[in-house]
Amino acid sequence: MNKVTIAVTTLLATFVAACVTINVYFPEAAAVEAADRIIDKVRGESDDSGTSLYQREDSGEPSVMVAFASSVIGFLVSDANAQDQIDFDKPSPEKQALEQSLAQRFPSLKPYFDSGAIGVTDSSLIDFRDRNLVPLKDRNTVVQLVAAQNNDWLALYAEIAKINKHPEWQDGIRRTFAERWIAKANKGWYYREGGTWKQK
């Protein structure tokens, strides 16, 4: 009987530890999927379809005592999942407004990506690569567009972390978006990585 009790206790303790670990680790795969969808939406390349949900798998084991332990675990997990389910596509009025603002501004910035005047950076922002490629009469406007776009991107990363109740994930979200922006940059666009501008 002692051996069975110890086994069940160990199983429960292991599972609780696993839950804590799951809640701490940044779900990068879900972030990548959401980043791709949001970037495409901002660029006007696709609709917002589907949701990116971070899920984990459980497996049960035969035996009466383990089945009992599994039912207790299942109750605990369903409760935890209800509170902490991760969905980087989860809507909020602020998130939707930011995505719309980014999408509306992007067509005005695209010609400057195409010319090489501006590029994406590994800090998930837009920066000037060569201001001389922007006509003088348009320069102040483009400076304002770049600043506004960067502010909205930073606010969006913070909002995604906030609505998922993990503000500590903001840096991970920002890093993921930076990687995906560079990966999805058009041929001929510039990106800055490690302080050096490169062309795709």
N, C-alpha and C. Protein backbone atom coordinates (compact mmCIF):
# COMPACT_ATOMS: atom_id res chain seq x y z
N MET A 1 0.83 -1.21 0.00
CA MET A 1 0.00 0.00 0.00
C MET A 1 0.86 1.26 0.00
N ASN A 2 1.94 1.23 0.79
CA ASN A 2 2.85 2.37 0.84
C ASN A 2 3.46 2.66 -0.52
N LYS A 3 3.80 1.58 -1.25
CA LYS A 3 4.40 1.77 -2.57
C LYS A 3 3.43 2.43 -3.53
N VAL A 4 2.17 2.04 -3.44
CA VAL A 4 1.14 2.63 -4.32
C VAL A 4 0.96 4.11 -3.99
N THR A 5 0.89 4.40 -2.68
CA THR A 5 0.72 5.79 -2.24
C THR A 5 1.89 6.65 -2.71
N ILE A 6 3.08 6.10 -2.56
CA ILE A 6 4.28 6.84 -2.98
C ILE A 6 4.25 7.07 -4.49
N ALA A 7 3.83 6.05 -5.25
CA ALA A 7 3.78 6.18 -6.71
C ALA A 7 2.80 7.27 -7.13
N VAL A 8 1.61 7.25 -6.50
CA VAL A 8 0.59 8.26 -6.85
C VAL A 8 1.06 9.65 -6.47
N THR A 9 1.64 9.77 -5.26
CA THR A 9 2.14 11.07 -4.81
C THR A 9 3.22 11.59 -5.75
N THR A 10 4.11 10.69 -6.15
CA THR A 10 5.17 11.08 -7.09
C THR A 10 4.60 11.54 -8.42
N LEU A 11 3.57 10.81 -8.90
CA LEU A 11 2.94 11.17 -10.16
C LEU A 11 2.31 12.56 -10.08
N LEU A 12 1.59 12.81 -8.98
CA LEU A 12 0.95 14.13 -8.80
C LEU A 12 2.00 15.23 -8.70
N ALA A 13 3.06 14.98 -7.93
CA ALA A 13 4.11 16.00 -7.76
C ALA A 13 4.79 16.30 -9.09
N THR A 14 5.04 15.24 -9.87
CA THR A 14 5.68 15.43 -11.17
C THR A 14 4.80 16.25 -12.09
N PHE A 15 3.49 15.96 -12.05
CA PHE A 15 2.57 16.68 -12.93
C PHE A 15 2.47 18.15 -12.55
N VAL A 16 2.39 18.41 -11.24
CA VAL A 16 2.30 19.80 -10.79
C VAL A 16 3.55 20.56 -11.24
N ALA A 17 4.71 19.92 -11.11
CA ALA A 17 5.96 20.55 -11.55
C ALA A 17 5.93 20.81 -13.05
N ALA A 18 5.36 19.85 -13.81
CA ALA A 18 5.27 20.03 -15.26
C ALA A 18 4.38 21.20 -15.61
N CYS A 19 3.27 21.37 -14.88
CA CYS A 19 2.35 22.49 -15.14
C CYS A 19 3.06 23.81 -14.92
N VAL A 20 3.83 23.88 -13.84
CA VAL A 20 4.54 25.11 -13.54
C VAL A 20 5.52 25.42 -14.67
N THR A 21 6.22 24.39 -15.15
CA THR A 21 7.18 24.58 -16.24
C THR A 21 6.49 25.07 -17.50
N ILE A 22 5.32 24.47 -17.82
CA ILE A 22 4.59 24.86 -19.02
C ILE A 22 4.18 26.32 -18.94
N ASN A 23 3.75 26.76 -17.77
CA ASN A 23 3.30 28.14 -17.62
C ASN A 23 4.45 29.14 -17.70
N VAL A 24 5.69 28.67 -17.44
CA VAL A 24 6.83 29.58 -17.43
C VAL A 24 7.42 29.74 -18.82
N TYR A 25 7.53 28.65 -19.58
CA TYR A 25 8.20 28.70 -20.87
C TYR A 25 7.41 29.45 -21.92
N PHE A 26 8.14 30.23 -22.72
CA PHE A 26 7.52 31.00 -23.80
C PHE A 26 7.17 30.06 -24.96
N PRO A 27 5.91 30.03 -25.40
CA PRO A 27 5.48 29.13 -26.47
C PRO A 27 5.84 29.69 -27.85
N GLU A 28 7.06 29.43 -28.27
CA GLU A 28 7.58 30.06 -29.48
C GLU A 28 6.83 29.65 -30.74
N ALA A 29 6.43 28.37 -30.85
CA ALA A 29 5.74 27.92 -32.06
C ALA A 29 4.44 28.69 -32.26
N ALA A 30 3.70 28.90 -31.17
CA ALA A 30 2.45 29.66 -31.26
C ALA A 30 2.72 31.11 -31.63
N ALA A 31 3.80 31.66 -31.11
CA ALA A 31 4.17 33.05 -31.42
C ALA A 31 4.54 33.21 -32.88
N VAL A 32 5.26 32.23 -33.44
CA VAL A 32 5.65 32.29 -34.85
C VAL A 32 4.41 32.27 -35.74
N GLU A 33 3.47 31.37 -35.45
CA GLU A 33 2.25 31.27 -36.25
C GLU A 33 1.47 32.58 -36.23
N ALA A 34 1.33 33.15 -35.03
CA ALA A 34 0.59 34.41 -34.90
C ALA A 34 1.33 35.55 -35.59
N ALA A 35 2.66 35.59 -35.44
CA ALA A 35 3.45 36.64 -36.07
C ALA A 35 3.28 36.60 -37.59
N ASP A 36 3.33 35.41 -38.17
CA ASP A 36 3.17 35.28 -39.62
C ASP A 36 1.81 35.80 -40.06
N ARG A 37 0.77 35.44 -39.33
CA ARG A 37 -0.57 35.89 -39.71
C ARG A 37 -0.70 37.40 -39.59
N ILE A 38 -0.19 37.96 -38.49
CA ILE A 38 -0.32 39.41 -38.27
C ILE A 38 0.51 40.19 -39.29
N ILE A 39 1.73 39.73 -39.56
CA ILE A 39 2.57 40.40 -40.54
C ILE A 39 1.92 40.37 -41.92
N ASP A 40 1.37 39.22 -42.30
CA ASP A 40 0.68 39.13 -43.59
C ASP A 40 -0.53 40.06 -43.64
N LYS A 41 -1.24 40.14 -42.52
CA LYS A 41 -2.40 41.02 -42.46
C LYS A 41 -1.98 42.48 -42.61
N VAL A 42 -0.92 42.87 -41.92
CA VAL A 42 -0.43 44.24 -42.01
C VAL A 42 0.02 44.55 -43.44
N ARG A 43 0.63 43.59 -44.09
CA ARG A 43 1.10 43.78 -45.46
C ARG A 43 -0.01 43.61 -46.50
N GLY A 44 -1.21 43.25 -46.03
CA GLY A 44 -2.34 43.09 -46.95
C GLY A 44 -2.25 41.85 -47.80
N GLU A 45 -1.57 40.82 -47.28
CA GLU A 45 -1.34 39.61 -48.08
C GLU A 45 -2.26 38.45 -47.76
N SER A 46 -3.01 38.54 -46.66
CA SER A 46 -3.92 37.44 -46.33
C SER A 46 -4.96 37.90 -45.35
N ASP A 47 -6.01 37.07 -45.22
CA ASP A 47 -7.04 37.34 -44.22
C ASP A 47 -6.58 36.79 -42.90
N ASP A 48 -7.25 37.22 -41.86
CA ASP A 48 -6.98 36.69 -40.53
C ASP A 48 -7.79 35.41 -40.40
N SER A 49 -7.18 34.25 -40.55
CA SER A 49 -7.94 33.01 -40.49
C SER A 49 -7.34 32.07 -39.46
N GLY A 50 -8.19 31.45 -38.71
CA GLY A 50 -7.75 30.49 -37.72
C GLY A 50 -7.19 31.16 -36.49
N THR A 51 -6.95 30.36 -35.48
CA THR A 51 -6.35 30.88 -34.26
C THR A 51 -5.14 30.05 -33.91
N SER A 52 -4.18 30.70 -33.27
CA SER A 52 -2.97 30.01 -32.85
C SER A 52 -3.11 29.68 -31.37
N LEU A 53 -3.34 28.42 -31.10
CA LEU A 53 -3.60 28.02 -29.73
C LEU A 53 -2.48 27.12 -29.26
N TYR A 54 -1.89 27.46 -28.10
CA TYR A 54 -0.80 26.65 -27.57
C TYR A 54 -1.43 25.55 -26.72
N GLN A 55 -1.24 24.30 -27.16
CA GLN A 55 -1.84 23.19 -26.45
C GLN A 55 -0.76 22.18 -26.10
N ARG A 56 -1.01 21.43 -25.11
CA ARG A 56 -0.08 20.37 -24.75
C ARG A 56 -0.81 19.05 -24.70
N GLU A 57 -0.07 17.94 -24.76
CA GLU A 57 -0.68 16.62 -24.78
C GLU A 57 -0.41 15.91 -23.48
N ASP A 58 -1.40 15.11 -23.06
CA ASP A 58 -1.28 14.29 -21.88
C ASP A 58 -1.43 12.83 -22.28
N SER A 59 -0.85 11.94 -21.53
CA SER A 59 -1.09 10.52 -21.77
C SER A 59 -1.36 9.85 -20.44
N GLY A 60 -2.33 8.96 -20.45
CA GLY A 60 -2.69 8.28 -19.21
C GLY A 60 -1.98 6.95 -19.10
N GLU A 61 -2.09 6.30 -17.94
CA GLU A 61 -1.49 4.99 -17.74
C GLU A 61 -2.53 4.08 -17.12
N PRO A 62 -2.49 2.79 -17.47
CA PRO A 62 -3.45 1.86 -16.90
C PRO A 62 -3.16 1.62 -15.43
N SER A 63 -4.16 1.17 -14.71
CA SER A 63 -4.18 0.81 -13.29
C SER A 63 -5.15 1.71 -12.57
N VAL A 64 -5.78 1.16 -11.55
CA VAL A 64 -6.84 1.86 -10.84
C VAL A 64 -6.30 3.10 -10.15
N MET A 65 -5.19 2.96 -9.45
CA MET A 65 -4.65 4.09 -8.70
C MET A 65 -4.17 5.20 -9.64
N VAL A 66 -3.53 4.80 -10.72
CA VAL A 66 -3.04 5.79 -11.67
C VAL A 66 -4.23 6.46 -12.37
N ALA A 67 -5.30 5.67 -12.63
CA ALA A 67 -6.51 6.25 -13.23
C ALA A 67 -7.11 7.30 -12.31
N PHE A 68 -7.10 6.99 -10.99
CA PHE A 68 -7.62 7.96 -10.03
C PHE A 68 -6.75 9.23 -10.04
N ALA A 69 -5.44 9.02 -10.02
CA ALA A 69 -4.52 10.16 -10.04
C ALA A 69 -4.73 10.98 -11.31
N SER A 70 -4.96 10.27 -12.44
CA SER A 70 -5.16 10.97 -13.70
C SER A 70 -6.43 11.81 -13.69
N SER A 71 -7.48 11.29 -13.02
CA SER A 71 -8.72 12.06 -12.97
C SER A 71 -8.54 13.33 -12.14
N VAL A 72 -7.77 13.22 -11.04
CA VAL A 72 -7.48 14.41 -10.23
C VAL A 72 -6.66 15.40 -11.05
N ILE A 73 -5.66 14.87 -11.74
CA ILE A 73 -4.81 15.71 -12.59
C ILE A 73 -5.63 16.39 -13.67
N GLY A 74 -6.54 15.61 -14.30
CA GLY A 74 -7.38 16.17 -15.35
C GLY A 74 -8.20 17.34 -14.86
N PHE A 75 -8.72 17.22 -13.62
CA PHE A 75 -9.49 18.33 -13.05
C PHE A 75 -8.62 19.56 -12.86
N LEU A 76 -7.41 19.34 -12.33
CA LEU A 76 -6.51 20.46 -12.10
C LEU A 76 -6.09 21.12 -13.41
N VAL A 77 -5.81 20.29 -14.42
CA VAL A 77 -5.35 20.83 -15.69
C VAL A 77 -6.45 21.59 -16.41
N SER A 78 -7.68 21.05 -16.41
CA SER A 78 -8.75 21.75 -17.10
C SER A 78 -9.00 23.10 -16.47
N ASP A 79 -8.84 23.17 -15.14
CA ASP A 79 -9.01 24.45 -14.46
C ASP A 79 -7.88 25.41 -14.83
N ALA A 80 -6.65 24.87 -14.87
CA ALA A 80 -5.51 25.72 -15.23
C ALA A 80 -5.61 26.19 -16.66
N ASN A 81 -6.03 25.28 -17.56
CA ASN A 81 -6.15 25.65 -18.96
C ASN A 81 -7.21 26.71 -19.18
N ALA A 82 -8.30 26.62 -18.42
CA ALA A 82 -9.37 27.61 -18.57
C ALA A 82 -8.87 29.00 -18.24
N GLN A 83 -7.92 29.08 -17.30
CA GLN A 83 -7.41 30.38 -16.89
C GLN A 83 -6.22 30.83 -17.72
N ASP A 84 -5.40 29.90 -18.18
CA ASP A 84 -4.11 30.27 -18.77
C ASP A 84 -3.92 29.78 -20.20
N GLN A 85 -5.00 29.51 -20.93
CA GLN A 85 -4.86 29.07 -22.31
C GLN A 85 -4.21 30.17 -23.13
N ILE A 86 -3.21 29.80 -23.89
CA ILE A 86 -2.45 30.78 -24.65
C ILE A 86 -3.02 30.89 -26.06
N ASP A 87 -3.31 32.11 -26.47
CA ASP A 87 -3.82 32.37 -27.82
C ASP A 87 -3.32 33.73 -28.25
N PHE A 88 -2.25 33.73 -29.06
CA PHE A 88 -1.66 34.99 -29.50
C PHE A 88 -2.53 35.72 -30.52
N ASP A 89 -3.59 35.06 -30.99
CA ASP A 89 -4.54 35.72 -31.88
C ASP A 89 -5.77 36.22 -31.13
N LYS A 90 -5.76 36.07 -29.83
CA LYS A 90 -6.90 36.50 -29.03
C LYS A 90 -7.17 37.99 -29.28
N PRO A 91 -8.42 38.35 -29.59
CA PRO A 91 -8.70 39.75 -29.91
C PRO A 91 -8.89 40.62 -28.67
N SER A 92 -8.63 41.87 -28.84
CA SER A 92 -8.99 42.90 -27.86
C SER A 92 -9.19 44.17 -28.67
N PRO A 93 -9.99 45.11 -28.19
CA PRO A 93 -10.17 46.36 -28.95
C PRO A 93 -8.86 47.05 -29.26
N GLU A 94 -7.93 47.05 -28.29
CA GLU A 94 -6.63 47.70 -28.49
C GLU A 94 -5.82 46.98 -29.56
N LYS A 95 -5.80 45.65 -29.51
CA LYS A 95 -5.03 44.86 -30.48
C LYS A 95 -5.58 45.06 -31.88
N GLN A 96 -6.89 45.02 -32.02
CA GLN A 96 -7.50 45.20 -33.33
C GLN A 96 -7.24 46.59 -33.89
N ALA A 97 -7.30 47.60 -33.02
CA ALA A 97 -7.05 48.97 -33.46
C ALA A 97 -5.60 49.14 -33.91
N LEU A 98 -4.67 48.52 -33.18
CA LEU A 98 -3.25 48.61 -33.54
C LEU A 98 -2.97 47.91 -34.88
N GLU A 99 -3.54 46.73 -35.06
CA GLU A 99 -3.34 46.01 -36.31
C GLU A 99 -3.90 46.80 -37.49
N GLN A 100 -5.05 47.41 -37.29
CA GLN A 100 -5.66 48.21 -38.35
C GLN A 100 -4.80 49.43 -38.68
N SER A 101 -4.29 50.07 -37.64
CA SER A 101 -3.44 51.25 -37.84
C SER A 101 -2.16 50.88 -38.59
N LEU A 102 -1.55 49.77 -38.22
CA LEU A 102 -0.34 49.30 -38.89
C LEU A 102 -0.61 48.98 -40.35
N ALA A 103 -1.74 48.33 -40.61
CA ALA A 103 -2.09 47.95 -41.98
C ALA A 103 -2.38 49.17 -42.85
N GLN A 104 -3.02 50.17 -42.26
CA GLN A 104 -3.35 51.38 -43.02
C GLN A 104 -2.10 52.18 -43.38
N ARG A 105 -1.11 52.15 -42.50
CA ARG A 105 0.10 52.93 -42.71
C ARG A 105 1.11 52.23 -43.64
N PHE A 106 1.04 50.91 -43.70
CA PHE A 106 2.05 50.14 -44.43
C PHE A 106 2.17 50.52 -45.91
N PRO A 107 1.06 50.72 -46.66
CA PRO A 107 1.22 51.07 -48.08
C PRO A 107 2.04 52.34 -48.31
N SER A 108 1.97 53.27 -47.36
CA SER A 108 2.76 54.50 -47.49
C SER A 108 4.24 54.26 -47.24
N LEU A 109 4.55 53.20 -46.49
CA LEU A 109 5.95 52.88 -46.18
C LEU A 109 6.57 51.93 -47.20
N LYS A 110 5.75 51.15 -47.86
CA LYS A 110 6.28 50.11 -48.77
C LYS A 110 7.23 50.65 -49.84
N PRO A 111 6.92 51.79 -50.48
CA PRO A 111 7.87 52.28 -51.50
C PRO A 111 9.27 52.53 -50.96
N TYR A 112 9.36 52.85 -49.67
CA TYR A 112 10.66 53.14 -49.07
C TYR A 112 11.38 51.86 -48.65
N PHE A 113 10.60 50.79 -48.38
CA PHE A 113 11.22 49.47 -48.23
C PHE A 113 11.78 49.05 -49.59
N ASP A 114 10.97 49.24 -50.63
CA ASP A 114 11.36 48.82 -51.98
C ASP A 114 12.62 49.56 -52.47
N SER A 115 12.73 50.84 -52.12
CA SER A 115 13.88 51.63 -52.59
C SER A 115 15.13 51.39 -51.76
N GLY A 116 14.96 50.80 -50.57
CA GLY A 116 16.10 50.58 -49.68
C GLY A 116 16.35 51.72 -48.73
N ALA A 117 15.45 52.70 -48.72
CA ALA A 117 15.62 53.83 -47.80
C ALA A 117 15.45 53.38 -46.35
N ILE A 118 14.51 52.45 -46.14
CA ILE A 118 14.28 51.93 -44.79
C ILE A 118 14.34 50.40 -44.83
N GLY A 119 14.47 49.82 -43.67
CA GLY A 119 14.48 48.36 -43.58
C GLY A 119 14.03 47.91 -42.20
N VAL A 120 13.85 46.61 -42.07
CA VAL A 120 13.47 46.04 -40.78
C VAL A 120 14.74 45.71 -40.00
N THR A 121 14.61 45.67 -38.69
CA THR A 121 15.78 45.41 -37.85
C THR A 121 15.55 44.20 -36.96
N ASP A 122 16.64 43.69 -36.41
CA ASP A 122 16.52 42.54 -35.52
C ASP A 122 16.02 42.93 -34.13
N SER A 123 15.62 44.20 -33.98
CA SER A 123 14.94 44.61 -32.74
C SER A 123 13.46 44.82 -32.99
N SER A 124 12.97 44.30 -34.13
CA SER A 124 11.55 44.30 -34.50
C SER A 124 11.02 45.68 -34.82
N LEU A 125 11.88 46.57 -35.28
CA LEU A 125 11.46 47.92 -35.62
C LEU A 125 11.89 48.25 -37.05
N ILE A 126 11.42 49.40 -37.54
CA ILE A 126 11.83 49.91 -38.84
C ILE A 126 12.88 51.00 -38.58
N ASP A 127 13.88 51.07 -39.43
CA ASP A 127 14.88 52.12 -39.28
C ASP A 127 15.31 52.61 -40.66
N PHE A 128 15.89 53.79 -40.69
CA PHE A 128 16.41 54.34 -41.93
C PHE A 128 17.75 53.70 -42.25
N ARG A 129 17.87 53.23 -43.47
CA ARG A 129 19.16 52.75 -43.95
C ARG A 129 19.87 53.86 -44.72
N ASP A 130 19.09 54.61 -45.52
CA ASP A 130 19.67 55.71 -46.30
C ASP A 130 18.61 56.79 -46.49
N ARG A 131 18.67 57.84 -45.68
CA ARG A 131 17.69 58.93 -45.77
C ARG A 131 17.77 59.67 -47.11
N ASN A 132 18.92 59.62 -47.76
CA ASN A 132 19.08 60.32 -49.03
C ASN A 132 18.21 59.73 -50.14
N LEU A 133 17.72 58.50 -49.92
CA LEU A 133 16.83 57.88 -50.91
C LEU A 133 15.39 58.36 -50.77
N VAL A 134 15.14 59.18 -49.75
CA VAL A 134 13.81 59.77 -49.57
C VAL A 134 13.88 61.22 -50.06
N PRO A 135 13.04 61.61 -51.03
CA PRO A 135 13.05 63.00 -51.49
C PRO A 135 12.91 63.96 -50.31
N LEU A 136 13.64 65.04 -50.36
CA LEU A 136 13.67 66.00 -49.26
C LEU A 136 12.27 66.46 -48.86
N LYS A 137 11.42 66.69 -49.85
CA LYS A 137 10.07 67.17 -49.57
C LYS A 137 9.23 66.14 -48.80
N ASP A 138 9.60 64.85 -48.88
CA ASP A 138 8.84 63.78 -48.22
C ASP A 138 9.49 63.31 -46.92
N ARG A 139 10.68 63.81 -46.63
CA ARG A 139 11.47 63.23 -45.55
C ARG A 139 10.79 63.33 -44.18
N ASN A 140 10.26 64.50 -43.85
CA ASN A 140 9.59 64.66 -42.55
C ASN A 140 8.40 63.73 -42.42
N THR A 141 7.66 63.58 -43.51
CA THR A 141 6.49 62.69 -43.50
C THR A 141 6.90 61.25 -43.24
N VAL A 142 7.99 60.81 -43.92
CA VAL A 142 8.44 59.43 -43.75
C VAL A 142 8.99 59.21 -42.34
N VAL A 143 9.69 60.20 -41.80
CA VAL A 143 10.18 60.11 -40.41
C VAL A 143 9.00 59.90 -39.46
N GLN A 144 7.94 60.65 -39.67
CA GLN A 144 6.75 60.53 -38.81
C GLN A 144 6.06 59.17 -38.99
N LEU A 145 6.01 58.70 -40.23
CA LEU A 145 5.41 57.39 -40.49
C LEU A 145 6.19 56.26 -39.81
N VAL A 146 7.51 56.33 -39.92
CA VAL A 146 8.36 55.30 -39.29
C VAL A 146 8.19 55.32 -37.78
N ALA A 147 8.19 56.51 -37.18
CA ALA A 147 8.03 56.61 -35.72
C ALA A 147 6.68 56.08 -35.28
N ALA A 148 5.62 56.44 -36.01
CA ALA A 148 4.28 55.98 -35.65
C ALA A 148 4.16 54.47 -35.80
N GLN A 149 4.75 53.92 -36.87
CA GLN A 149 4.69 52.46 -37.08
C GLN A 149 5.44 51.73 -35.98
N ASN A 150 6.61 52.23 -35.62
CA ASN A 150 7.38 51.61 -34.53
C ASN A 150 6.63 51.65 -33.21
N ASN A 151 6.01 52.79 -32.91
CA ASN A 151 5.23 52.91 -31.67
C ASN A 151 4.09 51.91 -31.63
N ASP A 152 3.41 51.74 -32.77
CA ASP A 152 2.29 50.79 -32.82
C ASP A 152 2.77 49.35 -32.69
N TRP A 153 3.91 49.03 -33.32
CA TRP A 153 4.43 47.66 -33.18
C TRP A 153 4.77 47.36 -31.71
N LEU A 154 5.44 48.29 -31.05
CA LEU A 154 5.80 48.07 -29.64
C LEU A 154 4.55 47.93 -28.78
N ALA A 155 3.54 48.75 -29.06
CA ALA A 155 2.29 48.67 -28.30
C ALA A 155 1.58 47.34 -28.57
N LEU A 156 1.68 46.84 -29.80
CA LEU A 156 1.04 45.56 -30.14
C LEU A 156 1.71 44.41 -29.42
N TYR A 157 3.05 44.39 -29.38
CA TYR A 157 3.74 43.32 -28.66
C TYR A 157 3.33 43.30 -27.18
N ALA A 158 3.25 44.49 -26.59
CA ALA A 158 2.85 44.59 -25.19
C ALA A 158 1.41 44.13 -24.99
N GLU A 159 0.54 44.47 -25.93
CA GLU A 159 -0.87 44.10 -25.82
C GLU A 159 -1.08 42.59 -25.95
N ILE A 160 -0.34 41.97 -26.87
CA ILE A 160 -0.45 40.51 -27.03
C ILE A 160 -0.03 39.81 -25.73
N ALA A 161 1.05 40.27 -25.13
CA ALA A 161 1.50 39.69 -23.86
C ALA A 161 0.48 39.94 -22.76
N LYS A 162 -0.08 41.14 -22.74
CA LYS A 162 -1.03 41.51 -21.69
C LYS A 162 -2.30 40.69 -21.75
N ILE A 163 -2.88 40.52 -22.95
CA ILE A 163 -4.16 39.80 -23.03
C ILE A 163 -3.98 38.30 -22.79
N ASN A 164 -2.73 37.82 -22.87
CA ASN A 164 -2.45 36.42 -22.53
C ASN A 164 -1.98 36.28 -21.08
N LYS A 165 -2.00 37.40 -20.34
CA LYS A 165 -1.66 37.40 -18.91
C LYS A 165 -0.24 36.94 -18.65
N HIS A 166 0.65 37.26 -19.59
CA HIS A 166 2.07 36.96 -19.43
C HIS A 166 2.89 38.16 -19.90
N PRO A 167 2.86 39.26 -19.17
CA PRO A 167 3.62 40.44 -19.59
C PRO A 167 5.12 40.18 -19.72
N GLU A 168 5.61 39.17 -19.04
CA GLU A 168 7.04 38.85 -19.12
C GLU A 168 7.41 38.25 -20.48
N TRP A 169 6.43 37.91 -21.31
CA TRP A 169 6.69 37.36 -22.63
C TRP A 169 6.88 38.44 -23.70
N GLN A 170 6.78 39.69 -23.32
CA GLN A 170 6.85 40.77 -24.30
C GLN A 170 8.14 40.72 -25.13
N ASP A 171 9.27 40.49 -24.46
CA ASP A 171 10.55 40.43 -25.18
C ASP A 171 10.59 39.25 -26.15
N GLY A 172 10.04 38.12 -25.72
CA GLY A 172 10.00 36.94 -26.60
C GLY A 172 9.12 37.18 -27.82
N ILE A 173 7.99 37.84 -27.61
CA ILE A 173 7.09 38.16 -28.72
C ILE A 173 7.80 39.10 -29.69
N ARG A 174 8.45 40.11 -29.14
CA ARG A 174 9.16 41.08 -29.99
C ARG A 174 10.27 40.40 -30.78
N ARG A 175 11.01 39.51 -30.14
CA ARG A 175 12.10 38.80 -30.82
C ARG A 175 11.54 37.92 -31.95
N THR A 176 10.42 37.25 -31.67
CA THR A 176 9.81 36.39 -32.68
C THR A 176 9.34 37.19 -33.88
N PHE A 177 8.70 38.33 -33.64
CA PHE A 177 8.25 39.18 -34.75
C PHE A 177 9.44 39.68 -35.56
N ALA A 178 10.52 40.03 -34.90
CA ALA A 178 11.72 40.50 -35.62
C ALA A 178 12.23 39.41 -36.56
N GLU A 179 12.30 38.19 -36.06
CA GLU A 179 12.78 37.07 -36.89
C GLU A 179 11.86 36.83 -38.07
N ARG A 180 10.53 36.91 -37.84
CA ARG A 180 9.58 36.64 -38.91
C ARG A 180 9.54 37.77 -39.94
N TRP A 181 9.70 39.02 -39.49
CA TRP A 181 9.75 40.14 -40.44
C TRP A 181 10.94 39.98 -41.37
N ILE A 182 12.08 39.61 -40.82
CA ILE A 182 13.27 39.43 -41.65
C ILE A 182 13.07 38.24 -42.59
N ALA A 183 12.52 37.15 -42.08
CA ALA A 183 12.30 35.96 -42.90
C ALA A 183 11.32 36.24 -44.04
N LYS A 184 10.33 37.09 -43.80
CA LYS A 184 9.29 37.35 -44.79
C LYS A 184 9.55 38.61 -45.62
N ALA A 185 10.69 39.26 -45.42
CA ALA A 185 11.00 40.46 -46.19
C ALA A 185 11.08 40.14 -47.68
N ASN A 186 10.60 41.06 -48.50
CA ASN A 186 10.64 40.87 -49.96
C ASN A 186 12.08 40.82 -50.47
N LYS A 187 12.25 40.19 -51.60
CA LYS A 187 13.56 40.18 -52.25
C LYS A 187 13.95 41.62 -52.58
N GLY A 188 15.17 41.98 -52.22
CA GLY A 188 15.64 43.34 -52.45
C GLY A 188 15.50 44.26 -51.25
N TRP A 189 14.66 43.86 -50.28
CA TRP A 189 14.52 44.66 -49.07
C TRP A 189 15.77 44.52 -48.22
N TYR A 190 15.99 45.52 -47.38
CA TYR A 190 17.12 45.49 -46.46
C TYR A 190 16.66 45.14 -45.05
N TYR A 191 17.52 44.46 -44.35
CA TYR A 191 17.29 44.17 -42.93
C TYR A 191 18.61 44.34 -42.19
N ARG A 192 18.49 44.78 -40.94
CA ARG A 192 19.70 44.98 -40.13
C ARG A 192 19.80 43.90 -39.09
N GLU A 193 20.93 43.23 -39.11
CA GLU A 193 21.16 42.11 -38.19
C GLU A 193 22.53 42.29 -37.58
N GLY A 194 22.59 42.34 -36.26
CA GLY A 194 23.88 42.51 -35.59
C GLY A 194 24.57 43.81 -35.95
N GLY A 195 23.76 44.85 -36.24
CA GLY A 195 24.32 46.15 -36.55
C GLY A 195 24.70 46.36 -38.01
N THR A 196 24.55 45.32 -38.83
CA THR A 196 24.95 45.40 -40.24
C THR A 196 23.72 45.27 -41.15
N TRP A 197 23.63 46.18 -42.12
CA TRP A 197 22.55 46.09 -43.10
C TRP A 197 22.88 45.03 -44.16
N LYS A 198 21.88 44.21 -44.46
CA LYS A 198 22.02 43.16 -45.48
C LYS A 198 20.81 43.25 -46.40
N GLN A 199 20.99 42.78 -47.63
CA GLN A 199 19.89 42.81 -48.58
C GLN A 199 19.44 41.39 -48.90
N LYS A 200 18.13 41.19 -48.94
CA LYS A 200 17.62 39.86 -49.27
C LYS A 200 17.68 39.65 -50.78
